Each structure stands twice: as structure tokens, then as C-alpha cells.
Amino acid sequence: MEERFETREDDKPDLRSEDERHRDAVNDWMRWRGYIGQLRSDQQFALFEVVRGRVEPVVDASLSRAGERFVGALRMLAVVVGERG
């Protein structure tokens, strides 16, 4: 049986072209890089180590040291974004 495809009244289709979507994604990424760039280098390192999968933030259902550094860096990033946003 075929799956029925429906939209909701509050759905908003993305009418941007492929180029517009790409440009917006690049702009968003650069904005986030700017936020991250305001962190100390050790905080940036802590973020990217987890994001790139180089360290595990949780080990045996507990926050690892790398996870603690990651959470601390996320907290600082929230402060930076809150000040700029």
C-alpha cells in the first residue's frame, strides 16, 4: 500500500533556489564560526574534539572529563551567542 503524503496548514515550503540555500548555509556557518572564534582556544578545542568524534563526552553513563570540558565550552558559547544575538 502506498504511503500517503500530506502537508499541514502550518508547513512552509522552502522556495529558495539551490544557490540561495547554499549561500544561506555558508553565511550561517560563518556566523557560528565567528561565535566560536570568541571562545578561548581550549574551549574551541573541547567543542571540536567532541563534534569531530575524537573523544567521547559520555562514558559508562557519566560525563567524561572531555564531556565536562565540552559542556563548559557550550555554556560559554551560549553566553557569546546571547550577547550577540
N, C-alpha and C. Protein backbone atom coordinates (compact mmCIF):
# COMPACT_ATOMS: atom_id res chain seq x y z
N MET A 1 0.83 -1.17 0.00
CA MET A 1 0.00 0.00 0.00
C MET A 1 0.89 1.25 0.00
N GLU A 2 0.57 2.20 -0.82
CA GLU A 2 1.35 3.42 -0.91
C GLU A 2 1.16 4.28 0.32
N GLU A 3 2.26 4.93 0.70
CA GLU A 3 2.19 5.83 1.85
C GLU A 3 1.60 7.15 1.40
N ARG A 4 0.69 7.67 2.17
CA ARG A 4 0.02 8.91 1.83
C ARG A 4 0.88 10.09 2.27
N PHE A 5 1.06 11.05 1.40
CA PHE A 5 1.87 12.24 1.68
C PHE A 5 0.93 13.43 1.82
N GLU A 6 1.00 14.07 2.99
CA GLU A 6 0.15 15.23 3.24
C GLU A 6 0.98 16.35 3.84
N THR A 7 0.50 17.56 3.69
CA THR A 7 1.11 18.70 4.35
C THR A 7 0.16 19.23 5.40
N ARG A 8 0.73 19.95 6.35
CA ARG A 8 -0.09 20.58 7.37
C ARG A 8 -0.29 22.03 6.98
N GLU A 9 -1.28 22.66 7.59
CA GLU A 9 -1.56 24.07 7.29
C GLU A 9 -0.39 24.97 7.65
N ASP A 10 0.37 24.59 8.69
CA ASP A 10 1.47 25.46 9.13
C ASP A 10 2.79 25.14 8.44
N ASP A 11 2.81 24.18 7.51
CA ASP A 11 4.02 23.88 6.74
C ASP A 11 4.34 25.05 5.81
N LYS A 12 5.62 25.38 5.76
CA LYS A 12 6.06 26.46 4.88
C LYS A 12 7.10 25.91 3.93
N PRO A 13 6.78 25.79 2.66
CA PRO A 13 7.76 25.26 1.71
C PRO A 13 8.94 26.21 1.54
N ASP A 14 10.10 25.63 1.34
CA ASP A 14 11.31 26.41 1.11
C ASP A 14 11.38 26.72 -0.39
N LEU A 15 11.14 27.95 -0.74
CA LEU A 15 11.08 28.35 -2.14
C LEU A 15 12.40 28.91 -2.67
N ARG A 16 13.45 28.82 -1.82
CA ARG A 16 14.74 29.33 -2.25
C ARG A 16 15.36 28.40 -3.29
N SER A 17 16.17 28.98 -4.16
CA SER A 17 16.89 28.19 -5.14
C SER A 17 18.01 27.43 -4.45
N GLU A 18 18.62 26.49 -5.14
CA GLU A 18 19.76 25.74 -4.59
C GLU A 18 20.89 26.69 -4.21
N ASP A 19 21.16 27.67 -5.07
CA ASP A 19 22.22 28.66 -4.78
C ASP A 19 21.89 29.48 -3.53
N GLU A 20 20.64 29.88 -3.39
CA GLU A 20 20.24 30.66 -2.22
C GLU A 20 20.37 29.84 -0.94
N ARG A 21 19.97 28.58 -0.99
CA ARG A 21 20.11 27.70 0.19
C ARG A 21 21.57 27.52 0.55
N HIS A 22 22.40 27.33 -0.46
CA HIS A 22 23.84 27.16 -0.22
C HIS A 22 24.44 28.43 0.39
N ARG A 23 24.12 29.57 -0.17
CA ARG A 23 24.64 30.84 0.34
C ARG A 23 24.20 31.06 1.78
N ASP A 24 22.94 30.78 2.09
CA ASP A 24 22.44 30.94 3.45
C ASP A 24 23.13 29.99 4.42
N ALA A 25 23.38 28.76 3.98
CA ALA A 25 24.08 27.79 4.83
C ALA A 25 25.51 28.25 5.11
N VAL A 26 26.19 28.76 4.11
CA VAL A 26 27.56 29.26 4.29
C VAL A 26 27.55 30.46 5.24
N ASN A 27 26.60 31.37 5.05
CA ASN A 27 26.50 32.54 5.94
C ASN A 27 26.25 32.12 7.38
N ASP A 28 25.34 31.15 7.58
CA ASP A 28 25.06 30.66 8.94
C ASP A 28 26.30 30.02 9.55
N TRP A 29 27.00 29.20 8.76
CA TRP A 29 28.21 28.56 9.29
C TRP A 29 29.26 29.61 9.66
N MET A 30 29.43 30.61 8.85
CA MET A 30 30.41 31.65 9.14
C MET A 30 30.01 32.43 10.40
N ARG A 31 28.73 32.66 10.59
CA ARG A 31 28.27 33.33 11.80
C ARG A 31 28.64 32.50 13.03
N TRP A 32 28.37 31.17 12.96
CA TRP A 32 28.71 30.30 14.08
C TRP A 32 30.21 30.22 14.30
N ARG A 33 30.98 30.21 13.22
CA ARG A 33 32.44 30.22 13.38
C ARG A 33 32.90 31.50 14.08
N GLY A 34 32.22 32.59 13.79
CA GLY A 34 32.52 33.85 14.47
C GLY A 34 32.24 33.76 15.96
N TYR A 35 31.12 33.17 16.32
CA TYR A 35 30.80 32.97 17.73
C TYR A 35 31.85 32.09 18.39
N ILE A 36 32.16 30.96 17.75
CA ILE A 36 33.13 30.03 18.31
C ILE A 36 34.50 30.68 18.42
N GLY A 37 34.83 31.53 17.46
CA GLY A 37 36.11 32.22 17.47
C GLY A 37 36.30 33.15 18.66
N GLN A 38 35.21 33.51 19.33
CA GLN A 38 35.31 34.37 20.50
C GLN A 38 35.62 33.59 21.78
N LEU A 39 35.58 32.26 21.69
CA LEU A 39 35.93 31.43 22.84
C LEU A 39 37.44 31.31 22.96
N ARG A 40 37.90 30.94 24.16
CA ARG A 40 39.33 30.65 24.33
C ARG A 40 39.67 29.44 23.48
N SER A 41 40.94 29.30 23.15
CA SER A 41 41.37 28.20 22.29
C SER A 41 41.08 26.83 22.91
N ASP A 42 41.23 26.70 24.24
CA ASP A 42 40.93 25.42 24.87
C ASP A 42 39.45 25.08 24.79
N GLN A 43 38.59 26.10 24.82
CA GLN A 43 37.15 25.87 24.69
C GLN A 43 36.80 25.47 23.26
N GLN A 44 37.43 26.12 22.29
CA GLN A 44 37.22 25.74 20.90
C GLN A 44 37.65 24.30 20.68
N PHE A 45 38.80 23.95 21.22
CA PHE A 45 39.33 22.60 21.10
C PHE A 45 38.35 21.59 21.69
N ALA A 46 37.82 21.89 22.88
CA ALA A 46 36.88 20.99 23.55
C ALA A 46 35.64 20.76 22.70
N LEU A 47 35.14 21.81 22.07
CA LEU A 47 33.97 21.67 21.19
C LEU A 47 34.27 20.77 20.00
N PHE A 48 35.34 21.08 19.31
CA PHE A 48 35.61 20.36 18.06
C PHE A 48 36.08 18.93 18.29
N GLU A 49 36.70 18.64 19.43
CA GLU A 49 37.09 17.27 19.72
C GLU A 49 35.85 16.37 19.80
N VAL A 50 34.79 16.86 20.43
CA VAL A 50 33.56 16.08 20.53
C VAL A 50 32.82 16.07 19.20
N VAL A 51 32.67 17.23 18.58
CA VAL A 51 31.93 17.33 17.32
C VAL A 51 32.55 16.44 16.24
N ARG A 52 33.85 16.37 16.21
CA ARG A 52 34.54 15.55 15.20
C ARG A 52 34.66 14.09 15.61
N GLY A 53 34.13 13.74 16.78
CA GLY A 53 34.12 12.35 17.21
C GLY A 53 35.46 11.82 17.70
N ARG A 54 36.34 12.70 18.09
CA ARG A 54 37.67 12.28 18.54
C ARG A 54 37.68 11.84 20.00
N VAL A 55 36.73 12.35 20.78
CA VAL A 55 36.60 11.96 22.18
C VAL A 55 35.13 11.68 22.47
N GLU A 56 34.90 10.89 23.50
CA GLU A 56 33.53 10.58 23.93
C GLU A 56 33.16 11.47 25.11
N PRO A 57 32.06 12.21 24.98
CA PRO A 57 31.66 13.07 26.09
C PRO A 57 31.03 12.29 27.26
N VAL A 58 30.50 11.10 26.97
CA VAL A 58 29.86 10.28 27.99
C VAL A 58 30.48 8.89 27.96
N VAL A 59 30.90 8.42 29.13
CA VAL A 59 31.48 7.08 29.26
C VAL A 59 30.79 6.40 30.44
N ASP A 60 30.27 5.21 30.20
CA ASP A 60 29.56 4.45 31.25
C ASP A 60 28.47 5.29 31.91
N ALA A 61 27.68 5.96 31.09
CA ALA A 61 26.54 6.77 31.53
C ALA A 61 26.95 7.96 32.41
N SER A 62 28.20 8.35 32.38
CA SER A 62 28.67 9.51 33.14
C SER A 62 29.44 10.45 32.21
N LEU A 63 29.39 11.71 32.55
CA LEU A 63 30.13 12.70 31.78
C LEU A 63 31.63 12.49 31.98
N SER A 64 32.35 12.34 30.88
CA SER A 64 33.81 12.18 30.96
C SER A 64 34.45 13.55 31.16
N ARG A 65 35.76 13.57 31.39
CA ARG A 65 36.47 14.86 31.52
C ARG A 65 36.30 15.67 30.23
N ALA A 66 36.41 14.98 29.11
CA ALA A 66 36.20 15.67 27.82
C ALA A 66 34.78 16.19 27.73
N GLY A 67 33.82 15.44 28.25
CA GLY A 67 32.43 15.87 28.26
C GLY A 67 32.22 17.08 29.14
N GLU A 68 32.90 17.11 30.28
CA GLU A 68 32.82 18.27 31.17
C GLU A 68 33.37 19.51 30.49
N ARG A 69 34.48 19.36 29.80
CA ARG A 69 35.05 20.50 29.06
C ARG A 69 34.12 20.94 27.93
N PHE A 70 33.50 19.97 27.27
CA PHE A 70 32.55 20.25 26.19
C PHE A 70 31.36 21.04 26.71
N VAL A 71 30.78 20.60 27.82
CA VAL A 71 29.63 21.29 28.40
C VAL A 71 30.03 22.70 28.83
N GLY A 72 31.20 22.84 29.43
CA GLY A 72 31.68 24.17 29.81
C GLY A 72 31.83 25.08 28.60
N ALA A 73 32.35 24.53 27.52
CA ALA A 73 32.51 25.32 26.30
C ALA A 73 31.15 25.69 25.71
N LEU A 74 30.19 24.77 25.77
CA LEU A 74 28.84 25.08 25.28
C LEU A 74 28.20 26.19 26.11
N ARG A 75 28.43 26.15 27.41
CA ARG A 75 27.89 27.21 28.26
C ARG A 75 28.47 28.57 27.88
N MET A 76 29.77 28.61 27.63
CA MET A 76 30.39 29.87 27.23
C MET A 76 29.89 30.30 25.84
N LEU A 77 29.70 29.34 24.96
CA LEU A 77 29.17 29.66 23.63
C LEU A 77 27.77 30.25 23.75
N ALA A 78 26.96 29.72 24.67
CA ALA A 78 25.61 30.26 24.89
C ALA A 78 25.68 31.71 25.36
N VAL A 79 26.66 32.03 26.19
CA VAL A 79 26.84 33.39 26.65
C VAL A 79 27.19 34.31 25.47
N VAL A 80 28.14 33.85 24.65
CA VAL A 80 28.56 34.64 23.48
C VAL A 80 27.40 34.87 22.54
N VAL A 81 26.65 33.82 22.24
CA VAL A 81 25.52 33.96 21.32
C VAL A 81 24.46 34.85 21.93
N GLY A 82 24.22 34.72 23.23
CA GLY A 82 23.24 35.57 23.91
C GLY A 82 23.61 37.03 23.87
N GLU A 83 24.89 37.33 23.97
CA GLU A 83 25.35 38.72 23.91
C GLU A 83 25.23 39.29 22.51
N ARG A 84 25.47 38.45 21.51
CA ARG A 84 25.49 38.92 20.12
C ARG A 84 24.13 38.79 19.46
N GLY A 85 23.33 37.82 19.91
CA GLY A 85 22.06 37.53 19.27
C GLY A 85 21.00 38.49 19.64
